[in-house]
Amino acid sequence: MYDHSKSPGSSQQWSYFKELPVGRAGGSLVYDKVRNALFFSGGAERPVAGNANAVDYKDTWMYSFSNPGAGWVKKLDLPFLSNHMSFVTAKDQTGKNRLYFLAGQVGENEWSGNVKSNYEWDAVNETWIKRKDLPVARGHAASSTRAIGCGFIIAGGAVNGGKTKDVTYYDIPSDSWTKIGDLPNAVNTPVCDIDFAGGYLYCETGYVNGFYSYRIKITV
């Protein structure tokens, strides 16, 4: 855990945090500001070292900073299996924070087993709400799924058959997806962030047939 209150460079900035009850790779972690809690879901593990056959999971765990003594508490399972999924906290038209878990892949099938499911976590009723599926199944876009406006964008990533340059926006009020642009090249696993003042989406690294750095103008 990183402590912003400590002096830069201090050895105390990083401290050991409570481990998950289970070992996972490619899972999703979202912070719920309203409940001051972390939510972890999905991911995969390889039962045998060196075995390429990953086993996917959909269990969900919550860690409350208001009740740290409880540790990680099991919650309702995610309705779909996925690893390398996207996850984001976005505000709706009323300013309410909403948590979304979407996309990803099943097993090791990066180019043929991608997922288009999109679910919202209802923290009040502790249940999952199905939202509009992605137009195209996509994975490896966790670091390029970013909140903006009353929704979020997902840029690039892996699609069944290869990579994509598609930038798509999810609008919370209408529960709908709209394509808003393209990256200059199709790219897998990009790392993106948004310059809200300038209206630019910046994408760094990621795999094309090499690595790149770009920015594009976006409007939602």
Protein backbone atom coordinates (compact mmCIF):
# COMPACT_ATOMS: atom_id res chain seq x y z
CA MET A 1 0.00 0.00 0.00
CA TYR A 2 1.32 3.46 -0.94
CA ASP A 3 0.95 6.27 1.61
CA HIS A 4 0.83 9.72 -0.03
CA SER A 5 1.17 11.46 3.35
CA LYS A 6 4.77 10.25 3.77
CA SER A 7 7.72 12.25 2.49
CA PRO A 8 8.74 11.40 -1.11
CA GLY A 9 11.47 8.81 -1.11
CA SER A 10 10.66 7.65 2.41
CA SER A 11 10.98 3.93 3.00
CA GLN A 12 7.65 4.16 4.85
CA GLN A 13 5.71 5.20 1.73
CA TRP A 14 5.17 1.55 0.83
CA SER A 15 3.86 -0.88 3.41
CA TYR A 16 2.75 -4.51 3.32
CA PHE A 17 -1.01 -4.83 2.81
CA LYS A 18 -3.45 -7.57 3.77
CA GLU A 19 -3.14 -10.47 1.33
CA LEU A 20 -6.11 -11.76 -0.63
CA PRO A 21 -7.41 -15.09 0.71
CA VAL A 22 -6.74 -16.58 -2.74
CA GLY A 23 -3.92 -16.41 -5.27
CA ARG A 24 -4.90 -14.75 -8.55
CA ALA A 25 -3.45 -13.23 -11.70
CA GLY A 26 -5.23 -10.98 -14.19
CA GLY A 27 -8.02 -10.07 -11.75
CA SER A 28 -9.72 -6.72 -11.21
CA LEU A 29 -9.38 -4.28 -8.31
CA VAL A 30 -11.64 -1.24 -7.83
CA TYR A 31 -11.82 1.32 -5.03
CA ASP A 32 -15.32 2.34 -3.87
CA LYS A 33 -14.94 5.86 -2.47
CA VAL A 34 -18.43 5.91 -0.93
CA ARG A 35 -17.80 2.80 1.15
CA ASN A 36 -14.06 3.38 1.51
CA ALA A 37 -13.48 -0.17 0.36
CA LEU A 38 -11.62 -2.23 -2.23
CA PHE A 39 -13.39 -4.78 -4.42
CA PHE A 40 -11.50 -7.60 -6.12
CA SER A 41 -13.03 -10.02 -8.61
CA GLY A 42 -12.18 -12.54 -11.31
CA GLY A 43 -8.76 -13.55 -12.48
CA ALA A 44 -7.07 -16.89 -13.07
CA GLU A 45 -4.41 -19.22 -11.74
CA ARG A 46 -2.26 -21.97 -13.15
CA PRO A 47 -2.60 -25.02 -10.90
CA VAL A 48 0.73 -26.42 -12.08
CA ALA A 49 3.85 -24.30 -12.59
CA GLY A 50 4.56 -23.92 -16.29
CA ASN A 51 1.12 -25.25 -17.25
CA ALA A 52 -0.46 -22.96 -19.85
CA ASN A 53 -4.00 -24.08 -18.96
CA ALA A 54 -5.29 -21.33 -16.68
CA VAL A 55 -8.33 -21.85 -14.44
CA ASP A 56 -10.66 -18.83 -14.29
CA TYR A 57 -12.57 -17.65 -11.23
CA LYS A 58 -15.44 -15.28 -10.54
CA ASP A 59 -15.32 -14.93 -6.75
CA THR A 60 -15.57 -11.37 -5.41
CA TRP A 61 -13.94 -9.97 -2.25
CA MET A 62 -14.28 -6.70 -0.36
CA TYR A 63 -11.78 -5.04 1.98
CA SER A 64 -13.21 -2.20 4.07
CA PHE A 65 -10.78 0.45 5.31
CA SER A 66 -13.48 1.40 7.83
CA ASN A 67 -13.40 -2.13 9.27
CA PRO A 68 -9.89 -3.45 8.55
CA GLY A 69 -10.15 -6.10 11.24
CA ALA A 70 -12.63 -8.01 9.09
CA GLY A 71 -10.01 -8.45 6.37
CA TRP A 72 -11.20 -9.56 2.95
CA VAL A 73 -14.90 -10.52 3.04
CA LYS A 74 -16.48 -12.79 0.42
CA LYS A 75 -19.25 -11.22 -1.67
CA LEU A 76 -21.57 -12.44 -4.42
CA ASP A 77 -19.71 -14.06 -7.31
CA LEU A 78 -19.22 -12.15 -10.55
CA PRO A 79 -21.79 -13.53 -13.07
CA PHE A 80 -19.13 -14.40 -15.67
CA LEU A 81 -15.69 -16.00 -15.78
CA SER A 82 -12.89 -13.72 -16.96
CA ASN A 83 -9.26 -12.78 -16.54
CA HIS A 84 -7.45 -9.69 -17.86
CA MET A 85 -10.78 -7.89 -17.57
CA SER A 86 -11.44 -4.15 -17.41
CA PHE A 87 -12.72 -2.38 -14.29
CA VAL A 88 -13.58 1.22 -13.54
CA THR A 89 -15.36 3.55 -11.12
CA ALA A 90 -17.43 6.12 -13.02
CA LYS A 91 -19.92 8.82 -12.05
CA ASP A 92 -23.48 8.87 -13.37
CA GLN A 93 -25.55 11.98 -14.19
CA THR A 94 -26.33 12.51 -10.47
CA GLY A 95 -22.68 12.32 -9.41
CA LYS A 96 -23.08 8.86 -7.89
CA ASN A 97 -20.08 6.53 -8.13
CA ARG A 98 -20.76 3.28 -9.97
CA LEU A 99 -18.44 0.26 -10.20
CA TYR A 100 -18.12 -1.69 -13.46
CA PHE A 101 -16.43 -4.98 -14.31
CA LEU A 102 -16.33 -5.92 -17.98
CA ALA A 103 -14.61 -7.62 -20.92
CA GLY A 104 -11.50 -9.82 -20.51
CA GLN A 105 -10.75 -13.30 -21.75
CA VAL A 106 -11.39 -16.92 -20.79
CA GLY A 107 -8.39 -19.12 -20.08
CA GLU A 108 -5.32 -18.51 -22.23
CA ASN A 109 -7.38 -17.70 -25.33
CA GLU A 110 -6.14 -14.14 -25.88
CA TRP A 111 -7.06 -14.14 -29.56
CA SER A 112 -10.21 -16.28 -29.55
CA GLY A 113 -11.73 -16.35 -26.06
CA ASN A 114 -12.47 -12.70 -25.35
CA VAL A 115 -15.54 -11.57 -23.41
CA LYS A 116 -18.08 -8.78 -24.01
CA SER A 117 -20.00 -8.97 -20.72
CA ASN A 118 -20.54 -5.73 -18.76
CA TYR A 119 -21.79 -5.74 -15.15
CA GLU A 120 -22.28 -3.07 -12.51
CA TRP A 121 -21.77 -3.85 -8.83
CA ASP A 122 -24.67 -2.56 -6.72
CA ALA A 123 -22.93 -1.97 -3.40
CA VAL A 124 -26.16 -1.01 -1.61
CA ASN A 125 -27.97 -4.29 -2.35
CA GLU A 126 -24.74 -6.25 -2.82
CA THR A 127 -25.74 -7.69 -6.16
CA TRP A 128 -24.70 -7.57 -9.81
CA ILE A 129 -26.68 -5.67 -12.45
CA LYS A 130 -26.26 -6.68 -16.09
CA ARG A 131 -25.57 -3.74 -18.38
CA LYS A 132 -25.26 -3.47 -22.14
CA ASP A 133 -22.62 -5.83 -23.53
CA LEU A 134 -19.65 -4.45 -25.40
CA PRO A 135 -20.31 -4.28 -29.15
CA VAL A 136 -17.27 -6.55 -29.70
CA ALA A 137 -15.69 -8.98 -27.24
CA ARG A 138 -12.41 -7.51 -25.96
CA GLY A 139 -9.68 -8.22 -23.42
CA HIS A 140 -6.34 -6.83 -22.27
CA ALA A 141 -7.73 -3.30 -21.95
CA ALA A 142 -7.76 -2.85 -18.17
CA SER A 143 -5.19 -0.04 -18.30
CA SER A 144 -7.03 1.71 -21.12
CA THR A 145 -10.49 1.75 -19.52
CA ARG A 146 -10.97 5.24 -18.07
CA ALA A 147 -13.87 7.22 -16.58
CA ILE A 148 -14.96 10.37 -18.40
CA GLY A 149 -18.24 12.31 -18.46
CA CYS A 150 -21.14 10.15 -17.27
CA GLY A 151 -19.44 6.93 -18.28
CA PHE A 152 -16.13 5.53 -19.43
CA ILE A 153 -14.07 4.69 -22.49
CA ILE A 154 -12.26 1.51 -23.45
CA ALA A 155 -9.42 1.86 -25.96
CA GLY A 156 -7.53 -0.78 -27.91
CA GLY A 157 -6.99 -4.26 -26.54
CA ALA A 158 -7.23 -7.82 -27.82
CA VAL A 159 -10.21 -8.95 -29.88
CA ASN A 160 -11.02 -12.37 -31.26
CA GLY A 161 -8.69 -12.66 -34.24
CA GLY A 162 -6.15 -10.02 -33.26
CA LYS A 163 -5.80 -6.48 -31.87
CA THR A 164 -8.05 -3.43 -32.17
CA LYS A 165 -7.61 0.35 -32.46
CA ASP A 166 -11.23 1.03 -31.57
CA VAL A 167 -12.05 3.64 -28.87
CA THR A 168 -15.57 3.09 -27.52
CA TYR A 169 -17.56 5.09 -24.95
CA TYR A 170 -20.12 3.66 -22.52
CA ASP A 171 -22.84 6.12 -21.46
CA ILE A 172 -24.33 5.31 -18.06
CA PRO A 173 -27.68 7.19 -18.39
CA SER A 174 -28.60 5.48 -21.68
CA ASP A 175 -26.82 2.16 -21.02
CA SER A 176 -25.33 2.33 -24.51
CA TRP A 177 -22.01 2.09 -26.36
CA THR A 178 -20.77 4.52 -29.03
CA LYS A 179 -17.58 4.38 -31.07
CA ILE A 180 -15.86 7.77 -30.67
CA GLY A 181 -12.62 7.23 -32.56
CA ASP A 182 -9.63 5.08 -33.42
CA LEU A 183 -6.09 4.85 -32.16
CA PRO A 184 -3.50 5.29 -34.95
CA ASN A 185 -2.77 1.55 -34.81
CA ALA A 186 -4.40 -1.57 -33.44
CA VAL A 187 -2.73 -2.23 -30.08
CA ASN A 188 -2.92 -4.86 -27.36
CA THR A 189 -2.58 -3.95 -23.66
CA PRO A 190 -2.16 -0.18 -24.01
CA VAL A 191 -1.79 2.07 -20.97
CA CYS A 192 -4.00 5.16 -21.39
CA ASP A 193 -5.10 8.20 -19.43
CA ILE A 194 -7.13 11.32 -20.13
CA ASP A 195 -6.15 14.99 -20.18
CA PHE A 196 -9.54 16.41 -19.21
CA ALA A 197 -8.52 20.05 -19.74
CA GLY A 198 -7.22 19.48 -23.26
CA GLY A 199 -9.61 16.70 -24.20
CA TYR A 200 -6.86 14.27 -25.17
CA LEU A 201 -6.52 10.54 -24.64
CA TYR A 202 -2.87 9.58 -24.16
CA CYS A 203 -1.77 6.01 -24.83
CA GLU A 204 1.67 4.70 -23.96
CA THR A 205 3.33 1.33 -24.56
CA GLY A 206 1.16 -1.60 -25.54
CA TYR A 207 1.97 -4.15 -28.22
CA VAL A 208 1.51 -3.44 -31.94
CA ASN A 209 4.41 -5.04 -33.72
CA GLY A 210 6.60 -3.09 -31.36
CA PHE A 211 5.74 -0.37 -28.82
CA TYR A 212 4.39 3.12 -29.28
CA SER A 213 3.23 6.41 -27.77
CA TYR A 214 0.27 8.41 -29.13
CA ARG A 215 -2.39 10.91 -28.23
CA ILE A 216 -5.78 11.48 -29.87
CA LYS A 217 -8.47 14.11 -29.41
CA ILE A 218 -11.70 12.72 -27.92
CA THR A 219 -15.19 14.11 -27.37
CA VAL A 220 -17.97 12.40 -25.41
